[in-house]
Amino acid sequence: MDSKTAITYPCLWEYRLITDKPQGLLDELPGLLAPLKYQVCTKNKSAQGKYTSLQLSLVVSSKQEQHALFEKLSNHALVKWVL
């Protein structure tokens, strides 16, 4: 039995971005993700209020695009973690 779930592309994909500068990251997302259409909303703050999580939702057309976006987001200076 194969334990991996098959994903059919294109599909809606969500990333959780953890940052200590949420407004700065929100300001930079349009340039970072152009020309993709996306939705983003603030979700949670850490117990001490240092970190904020943003939920980014967008349609990805392939596994390669999904991984490329993960790498691009992970390497951005204002992103601490991508989940």
PDB file of N, CA and C in Angstrom:
ATOM      1  N   MET A   1       0.839  -1.189   0.000  1.00  0.00           N
ATOM      2  CA  MET A   1       0.000   0.000   0.000  1.00  0.00           C
ATOM      3  C   MET A   1       0.880   1.247   0.000  1.00  0.00           C
ATOM      4  N   ASP A   2       0.592   2.168  -0.897  1.00  0.00           N
ATOM      5  CA  ASP A   2       1.356   3.415  -1.008  1.00  0.00           C
ATOM      6  C   ASP A   2       0.836   4.398   0.036  1.00  0.00           C
ATOM      7  N   SER A   3       1.736   4.910   0.884  1.00  0.00           N
ATOM      8  CA  SER A   3       1.326   5.816   1.961  1.00  0.00           C
ATOM      9  C   SER A   3       1.217   7.273   1.502  1.00  0.00           C
ATOM     10  N   LYS A   4       1.668   7.569   0.301  1.00  0.00           N
ATOM     11  CA  LYS A   4       1.588   8.947  -0.203  1.00  0.00           C
ATOM     12  C   LYS A   4       0.220   9.206  -0.828  1.00  0.00           C
ATOM     13  N   THR A   5      -0.306  10.387  -0.553  1.00  0.00           N
ATOM     14  CA  THR A   5      -1.567  10.797  -1.141  1.00  0.00           C
ATOM     15  C   THR A   5      -1.288  11.478  -2.471  1.00  0.00           C
ATOM     16  N   ALA A   6      -2.021  11.070  -3.492  1.00  0.00           N
ATOM     17  CA  ALA A   6      -1.844  11.675  -4.811  1.00  0.00           C
ATOM     18  C   ALA A   6      -2.437  13.084  -4.807  1.00  0.00           C
ATOM     19  N   ILE A   7      -1.688  14.019  -5.350  1.00  0.00           N
ATOM     20  CA  ILE A   7      -2.149  15.406  -5.479  1.00  0.00           C
ATOM     21  C   ILE A   7      -2.371  15.674  -6.956  1.00  0.00           C
ATOM     22  N   THR A   8      -3.540  16.179  -7.269  1.00  0.00           N
ATOM     23  CA  THR A   8      -3.868  16.511  -8.652  1.00  0.00           C
ATOM     24  C   THR A   8      -3.672  18.012  -8.842  1.00  0.00           C
ATOM     25  N   TYR A   9      -2.807  18.359  -9.797  1.00  0.00           N
ATOM     26  CA  TYR A   9      -2.517  19.764 -10.099  1.00  0.00           C
ATOM     27  C   TYR A   9      -3.300  20.196 -11.318  1.00  0.00           C
ATOM     28  N   PRO A  10      -3.689  21.457 -11.418  1.00  0.00           N
ATOM     29  CA  PRO A  10      -3.482  22.535 -10.452  1.00  0.00           C
ATOM     30  C   PRO A  10      -4.374  22.341  -9.221  1.00  0.00           C
ATOM     31  N   CYS A  11      -3.917  22.881  -8.083  1.00  0.00           N
ATOM     32  CA  CYS A  11      -4.679  22.772  -6.848  1.00  0.00           C
ATOM     33  C   CYS A  11      -4.389  23.970  -5.944  1.00  0.00           C
ATOM     34  N   LEU A  12      -5.296  24.187  -5.016  1.00  0.00           N
ATOM     35  CA  LEU A  12      -5.111  25.236  -4.024  1.00  0.00           C
ATOM     36  C   LEU A  12      -4.097  24.737  -3.014  1.00  0.00           C
ATOM     37  N   TRP A  13      -3.078  25.554  -2.724  1.00  0.00           N
ATOM     38  CA  TRP A  13      -2.035  25.177  -1.778  1.00  0.00           C
ATOM     39  C   TRP A  13      -1.903  26.273  -0.735  1.00  0.00           C
ATOM     40  N   GLU A  14      -1.628  25.879   0.486  1.00  0.00           N
ATOM     41  CA  GLU A  14      -1.464  26.851   1.564  1.00  0.00           C
ATOM     42  C   GLU A  14      -0.088  26.720   2.190  1.00  0.00           C
ATOM     43  N   TYR A  15       0.507  27.858   2.442  1.00  0.00           N
ATOM     44  CA  TYR A  15       1.772  27.950   3.159  1.00  0.00           C
ATOM     45  C   TYR A  15       1.515  28.755   4.424  1.00  0.00           C
ATOM     46  N   ARG A  16       2.148  28.366   5.501  1.00  0.00           N
ATOM     47  CA  ARG A  16       2.094  29.166   6.722  1.00  0.00           C
ATOM     48  C   ARG A  16       3.462  29.818   6.849  1.00  0.00           C
ATOM     49  N   LEU A  17       3.486  31.148   6.843  1.00  0.00           N
ATOM     50  CA  LEU A  17       4.724  31.917   6.918  1.00  0.00           C
ATOM     51  C   LEU A  17       4.859  32.483   8.322  1.00  0.00           C
ATOM     52  N   ILE A  18       5.977  32.218   8.968  1.00  0.00           N
ATOM     53  CA  ILE A  18       6.239  32.735  10.301  1.00  0.00           C
ATOM     54  C   ILE A  18       7.252  33.870  10.160  1.00  0.00           C
ATOM     55  N   THR A  19       6.914  35.024  10.747  1.00  0.00           N
ATOM     56  CA  THR A  19       7.749  36.212  10.600  1.00  0.00           C
ATOM     57  C   THR A  19       7.736  37.043  11.874  1.00  0.00           C
ATOM     58  N   ASP A  20       8.765  37.845  12.055  1.00  0.00           N
ATOM     59  CA  ASP A  20       8.759  38.803  13.163  1.00  0.00           C
ATOM     60  C   ASP A  20       8.476  40.218  12.649  1.00  0.00           C
ATOM     61  N   LYS A  21       8.228  40.338  11.339  1.00  0.00           N
ATOM     62  CA  LYS A  21       7.892  41.626  10.719  1.00  0.00           C
ATOM     63  C   LYS A  21       6.724  41.421   9.759  1.00  0.00           C
ATOM     64  N   PRO A  22       5.518  41.185  10.296  1.00  0.00           N
ATOM     65  CA  PRO A  22       4.390  40.849   9.427  1.00  0.00           C
ATOM     66  C   PRO A  22       4.027  41.932   8.417  1.00  0.00           C
ATOM     67  N   GLN A  23       4.028  43.194   8.820  1.00  0.00           N
ATOM     68  CA  GLN A  23       3.654  44.251   7.871  1.00  0.00           C
ATOM     69  C   GLN A  23       4.680  44.368   6.761  1.00  0.00           C
ATOM     70  N   GLY A  24       5.960  44.252   7.088  1.00  0.00           N
ATOM     71  CA  GLY A  24       7.000  44.288   6.065  1.00  0.00           C
ATOM     72  C   GLY A  24       6.852  43.159   5.065  1.00  0.00           C
ATOM     73  N   LEU A  25       6.541  41.969   5.555  1.00  0.00           N
ATOM     74  CA  LEU A  25       6.349  40.833   4.658  1.00  0.00           C
ATOM     75  C   LEU A  25       5.102  41.019   3.802  1.00  0.00           C
ATOM     76  N   LEU A  26       4.022  41.487   4.402  1.00  0.00           N
ATOM     77  CA  LEU A  26       2.805  41.761   3.629  1.00  0.00           C
ATOM     78  C   LEU A  26       3.067  42.771   2.515  1.00  0.00           C
ATOM     79  N   ASP A  27       3.894  43.770   2.792  1.00  0.00           N
ATOM     80  CA  ASP A  27       4.227  44.780   1.787  1.00  0.00           C
ATOM     81  C   ASP A  27       5.057  44.198   0.643  1.00  0.00           C
ATOM     82  N   GLU A  28       5.868  43.177   0.928  1.00  0.00           N
ATOM     83  CA  GLU A  28       6.761  42.612  -0.090  1.00  0.00           C
ATOM     84  C   GLU A  28       6.155  41.456  -0.880  1.00  0.00           C
ATOM     85  N   LEU A  29       5.088  40.855  -0.386  1.00  0.00           N
ATOM     86  CA  LEU A  29       4.503  39.702  -1.077  1.00  0.00           C
ATOM     87  C   LEU A  29       4.072  39.994  -2.514  1.00  0.00           C
ATOM     88  N   PRO A  30       3.454  41.146  -2.821  1.00  0.00           N
ATOM     89  CA  PRO A  30       3.062  41.368  -4.224  1.00  0.00           C
ATOM     90  C   PRO A  30       4.237  41.273  -5.202  1.00  0.00           C
ATOM     91  N   GLY A  31       5.364  41.849  -4.865  1.00  0.00           N
ATOM     92  CA  GLY A  31       6.529  41.782  -5.738  1.00  0.00           C
ATOM     93  C   GLY A  31       7.151  40.399  -5.763  1.00  0.00           C
ATOM     94  N   LEU A  32       7.088  39.712  -4.645  1.00  0.00           N
ATOM     95  CA  LEU A  32       7.678  38.378  -4.531  1.00  0.00           C
ATOM     96  C   LEU A  32       6.883  37.337  -5.314  1.00  0.00           C
ATOM     97  N   LEU A  33       5.561  37.490  -5.331  1.00  0.00           N
ATOM     98  CA  LEU A  33       4.703  36.470  -5.930  1.00  0.00           C
ATOM     99  C   LEU A  33       4.137  36.839  -7.300  1.00  0.00           C
ATOM    100  N   ALA A  34       4.411  38.045  -7.789  1.00  0.00           N
ATOM    101  CA  ALA A  34       3.871  38.459  -9.094  1.00  0.00           C
ATOM    102  C   ALA A  34       4.295  37.461 -10.162  1.00  0.00           C
ATOM    103  N   PRO A  35       3.453  37.115 -11.085  1.00  0.00           N
ATOM    104  CA  PRO A  35       2.091  37.579 -11.362  1.00  0.00           C
ATOM    105  C   PRO A  35       1.008  36.697 -10.739  1.00  0.00           C
ATOM    106  N   LEU A  36       1.369  35.857  -9.776  1.00  0.00           N
ATOM    107  CA  LEU A  36       0.391  34.940  -9.180  1.00  0.00           C
ATOM    108  C   LEU A  36      -0.669  35.676  -8.374  1.00  0.00           C
ATOM    109  N   LYS A  37      -1.875  35.139  -8.403  1.00  0.00           N
ATOM    110  CA  LYS A  37      -2.956  35.665  -7.573  1.00  0.00           C
ATOM    111  C   LYS A  37      -2.967  34.843  -6.290  1.00  0.00           C
ATOM    112  N   TYR A  38      -3.135  35.507  -5.172  1.00  0.00           N
ATOM    113  CA  TYR A  38      -3.069  34.823  -3.890  1.00  0.00           C
ATOM    114  C   TYR A  38      -3.945  35.545  -2.879  1.00  0.00           C
ATOM    115  N   GLN A  39      -4.175  34.871  -1.758  1.00  0.00           N
ATOM    116  CA  GLN A  39      -4.836  35.476  -0.610  1.00  0.00           C
ATOM    117  C   GLN A  39      -3.932  35.254   0.587  1.00  0.00           C
ATOM    118  N   VAL A  40      -3.889  36.236   1.462  1.00  0.00           N
ATOM    119  CA  VAL A  40      -3.075  36.099   2.665  1.00  0.00           C
ATOM    120  C   VAL A  40      -3.852  36.696   3.837  1.00  0.00           C
ATOM    121  N   CYS A  41      -3.741  36.040   4.978  1.00  0.00           N
ATOM    122  CA  CYS A  41      -4.379  36.571   6.176  1.00  0.00           C
ATOM    123  C   CYS A  41      -3.503  36.272   7.388  1.00  0.00           C
ATOM    124  N   THR A  42      -3.607  37.136   8.371  1.00  0.00           N
ATOM    125  CA  THR A  42      -2.876  36.952   9.622  1.00  0.00           C
ATOM    126  C   THR A  42      -3.609  35.903  10.439  1.00  0.00           C
ATOM    127  N   LYS A  43      -2.860  34.948  10.997  1.00  0.00           N
ATOM    128  CA  LYS A  43      -3.482  33.873  11.750  1.00  0.00           C
ATOM    129  C   LYS A  43      -3.203  33.983  13.256  1.00  0.00           C
ATOM    130  N   ASN A  44      -1.984  33.729  13.676  1.00  0.00           N
ATOM    131  CA  ASN A  44      -1.671  33.651  15.105  1.00  0.00           C
ATOM    132  C   ASN A  44      -0.438  34.463  15.453  1.00  0.00           C
ATOM    133  N   LYS A  45      -0.329  34.795  16.739  1.00  0.00           N
ATOM    134  CA  LYS A  45       0.887  35.404  17.282  1.00  0.00           C
ATOM    135  C   LYS A  45       1.452  34.463  18.321  1.00  0.00           C
ATOM    136  N   SER A  46       2.774  34.484  18.475  1.00  0.00           N
ATOM    137  CA  SER A  46       3.406  33.646  19.484  1.00  0.00           C
ATOM    138  C   SER A  46       3.036  34.154  20.877  1.00  0.00           C
ATOM    139  N   ALA A  47       3.301  33.338  21.885  1.00  0.00           N
ATOM    140  CA  ALA A  47       2.920  33.673  23.271  1.00  0.00           C
ATOM    141  C   ALA A  47       3.491  35.012  23.715  1.00  0.00           C
ATOM    142  N   GLN A  48       4.730  35.312  23.356  1.00  0.00           N
ATOM    143  CA  GLN A  48       5.347  36.587  23.723  1.00  0.00           C
ATOM    144  C   GLN A  48       5.086  37.684  22.696  1.00  0.00           C
ATOM    145  N   GLY A  49       4.416  37.349  21.594  1.00  0.00           N
ATOM    146  CA  GLY A  49       4.089  38.342  20.585  1.00  0.00           C
ATOM    147  C   GLY A  49       5.218  38.679  19.628  1.00  0.00           C
ATOM    148  N   LYS A  50       6.314  37.910  19.680  1.00  0.00           N
ATOM    149  CA  LYS A  50       7.453  38.203  18.805  1.00  0.00           C
ATOM    150  C   LYS A  50       7.193  37.770  17.358  1.00  0.00           C
ATOM    151  N   TYR A  51       6.531  36.637  17.182  1.00  0.00           N
ATOM    152  CA  TYR A  51       6.314  36.088  15.846  1.00  0.00           C
ATOM    153  C   TYR A  51       4.832  36.086  15.493  1.00  0.00           C
ATOM    154  N   THR A  52       4.570  36.267  14.200  1.00  0.00           N
ATOM    155  CA  THR A  52       3.212  36.233  13.665  1.00  0.00           C
ATOM    156  C   THR A  52       3.189  35.234  12.517  1.00  0.00           C
ATOM    157  N   SER A  53       2.104  34.471  12.423  1.00  0.00           N
ATOM    158  CA  SER A  53       1.965  33.566  11.280  1.00  0.00           C
ATOM    159  C   SER A  53       0.962  34.148  10.294  1.00  0.00           C
ATOM    160  N   LEU A  54       1.321  34.034   9.028  1.00  0.00           N
ATOM    161  CA  LEU A  54       0.465  34.459   7.922  1.00  0.00           C
ATOM    162  C   LEU A  54       0.097  33.212   7.129  1.00  0.00           C
ATOM    163  N   GLN A  55      -1.160  33.095   6.746  1.00  0.00           N
ATOM    164  CA  GLN A  55      -1.582  31.986   5.902  1.00  0.00           C
ATOM    165  C   GLN A  55      -1.687  32.485   4.474  1.00  0.00           C
ATOM    166  N   LEU A  56      -0.872  31.906   3.613  1.00  0.00           N
ATOM    167  CA  LEU A  56      -0.826  32.266   2.197  1.00  0.00           C
ATOM    168  C   LEU A  56      -1.502  31.158   1.398  1.00  0.00           C
ATOM    169  N   SER A  57      -2.511  31.502   0.619  1.00  0.00           N
ATOM    170  CA  SER A  57      -3.237  30.529  -0.204  1.00  0.00           C
ATOM    171  C   SER A  57      -3.150  30.940  -1.668  1.00  0.00           C
ATOM    172  N   LEU A  58      -2.796  29.976  -2.520  1.00  0.00           N
ATOM    173  CA  LEU A  58      -2.728  30.243  -3.948  1.00  0.00           C
ATOM    174  C   LEU A  58      -2.824  28.946  -4.719  1.00  0.00           C
ATOM    175  N   VAL A  59      -3.106  29.044  -5.995  1.00  0.00           N
ATOM    176  CA  VAL A  59      -3.184  27.864  -6.855  1.00  0.00           C
ATOM    177  C   VAL A  59      -1.801  27.596  -7.432  1.00  0.00           C
ATOM    178  N   VAL A  60      -1.348  26.347  -7.260  1.00  0.00           N
ATOM    179  CA  VAL A  60      -0.074  25.933  -7.860  1.00  0.00           C
ATOM    180  C   VAL A  60      -0.394  24.981  -9.011  1.00  0.00           C
ATOM    181  N   SER A  61       0.378  25.103 -10.078  1.00  0.00           N
ATOM    182  CA  SER A  61       0.084  24.322 -11.276  1.00  0.00           C
ATOM    183  C   SER A  61       0.842  23.004 -11.352  1.00  0.00           C
ATOM    184  N   SER A  62       1.872  22.838 -10.490  1.00  0.00           N
ATOM    185  CA  SER A  62       2.657  21.604 -10.535  1.00  0.00           C
ATOM    186  C   SER A  62       3.433  21.440  -9.227  1.00  0.00           C
ATOM    187  N   LYS A  63       3.943  20.236  -9.030  1.00  0.00           N
ATOM    188  CA  LYS A  63       4.778  19.962  -7.860  1.00  0.00           C
ATOM    189  C   LYS A  63       6.038  20.823  -7.903  1.00  0.00           C
ATOM    190  N   GLN A  64       6.570  21.035  -9.098  1.00  0.00           N
ATOM    191  CA  GLN A  64       7.768  21.851  -9.248  1.00  0.00           C
ATOM    192  C   GLN A  64       7.495  23.298  -8.816  1.00  0.00           C
ATOM    193  N   GLU A  65       6.338  23.840  -9.214  1.00  0.00           N
ATOM    194  CA  GLU A  65       5.991  25.195  -8.804  1.00  0.00           C
ATOM    195  C   GLU A  65       5.788  25.265  -7.291  1.00  0.00           C
ATOM    196  N   GLN A  66       5.155  24.262  -6.724  1.00  0.00           N
ATOM    197  CA  GLN A  66       4.943  24.199  -5.282  1.00  0.00           C
ATOM    198  C   GLN A  66       6.279  24.248  -4.535  1.00  0.00           C
ATOM    199  N   HIS A  67       7.240  23.451  -4.972  1.00  0.00           N
ATOM    200  CA  HIS A  67       8.551  23.416  -4.316  1.00  0.00           C
ATOM    201  C   HIS A  67       9.357  24.687  -4.572  1.00  0.00           C
ATOM    202  N   ALA A  68       9.248  25.241  -5.763  1.00  0.00           N
ATOM    203  CA  ALA A  68       9.954  26.485  -6.084  1.00  0.00           C
ATOM    204  C   ALA A  68       9.440  27.629  -5.209  1.00  0.00           C
ATOM    205  N   LEU A  69       8.127  27.704  -5.016  1.00  0.00           N
ATOM    206  CA  LEU A  69       7.561  28.739  -4.148  1.00  0.00           C
ATOM    207  C   LEU A  69       8.008  28.542  -2.706  1.00  0.00           C
ATOM    208  N   PHE A  70       8.048  27.292  -2.257  1.00  0.00           N
ATOM    209  CA  PHE A  70       8.517  27.004  -0.902  1.00  0.00           C
ATOM    210  C   PHE A  70       9.947  27.516  -0.717  1.00  0.00           C
ATOM    211  N   GLU A  71      10.809  27.237  -1.689  1.00  0.00           N
ATOM    212  CA  GLU A  71      12.204  27.691  -1.615  1.00  0.00           C
ATOM    213  C   GLU A  71      12.298  29.211  -1.649  1.00  0.00           C
ATOM    214  N   LYS A  72      11.538  29.836  -2.531  1.00  0.00           N
ATOM    215  CA  LYS A  72      11.560  31.292  -2.659  1.00  0.00           C
ATOM    216  C   LYS A  72      11.123  31.952  -1.358  1.00  0.00           C
ATOM    217  N   LEU A  73      10.041  31.441  -0.768  1.00  0.00           N
ATOM    218  CA  LEU A  73       9.547  31.986   0.493  1.00  0.00           C
ATOM    219  C   LEU A  73      10.524  31.716   1.631  1.00  0.00           C
ATOM    220  N   SER A  74      11.073  30.515   1.673  1.00  0.00           N
ATOM    221  CA  SER A  74      12.017  30.138   2.736  1.00  0.00           C
ATOM    222  C   SER A  74      13.270  31.001   2.733  1.00  0.00           C
ATOM    223  N   ASN A  75      13.689  31.424   1.547  1.00  0.00           N
ATOM    224  CA  ASN A  75      14.922  32.203   1.422  1.00  0.00           C
ATOM    225  C   ASN A  75      14.718  33.704   1.582  1.00  0.00           C
ATOM    226  N   HIS A  76      13.485  34.148   1.773  1.00  0.00           N
ATOM    227  CA  HIS A  76      13.216  35.578   1.928  1.00  0.00           C
ATOM    228  C   HIS A  76      13.666  36.030   3.315  1.00  0.00           C
ATOM    229  N   ALA A  77      14.285  37.192   3.380  1.00  0.00           N
ATOM    230  CA  ALA A  77      14.866  37.704   4.625  1.00  0.00           C
ATOM    231  C   ALA A  77      13.852  37.907   5.747  1.00  0.00           C
ATOM    232  N   LEU A  78      12.603  38.207   5.418  1.00  0.00           N
ATOM    233  CA  LEU A  78      11.596  38.467   6.451  1.00  0.00           C
ATOM    234  C   LEU A  78      10.846  37.216   6.901  1.00  0.00           C
ATOM    235  N   VAL A  79      11.110  36.090   6.259  1.00  0.00           N
ATOM    236  CA  VAL A  79      10.442  34.840   6.620  1.00  0.00           C
ATOM    237  C   VAL A  79      11.383  34.024   7.502  1.00  0.00           C
ATOM    238  N   LYS A  80      10.909  33.692   8.701  1.00  0.00           N
ATOM    239  CA  LYS A  80      11.707  32.859   9.611  1.00  0.00           C
ATOM    240  C   LYS A  80      11.519  31.383   9.318  1.00  0.00           C
ATOM    241  N   TRP A  81      10.261  30.963   9.095  1.00  0.00           N
ATOM    242  CA  TRP A  81       9.938  29.578   8.799  1.00  0.00           C
ATOM    243  C   TRP A  81       8.776  29.519   7.824  1.00  0.00           C
ATOM    244  N   VAL A  82       8.755  28.461   7.015  1.00  0.00           N
ATOM    245  CA  VAL A  82       7.622  28.181   6.136  1.00  0.00           C
ATOM    246  C   VAL A  82       7.114  26.775   6.490  1.00  0.00           C
ATOM    247  N   LEU A  83       5.848  26.699   6.724  1.00  0.00           N
ATOM    248  CA  LEU A  83       5.223  25.396   7.033  1.00  0.00           C
ATOM    249  C   LEU A  83       4.223  25.059   5.948  1.00  0.00           C
TER     250      LEU A  83
END
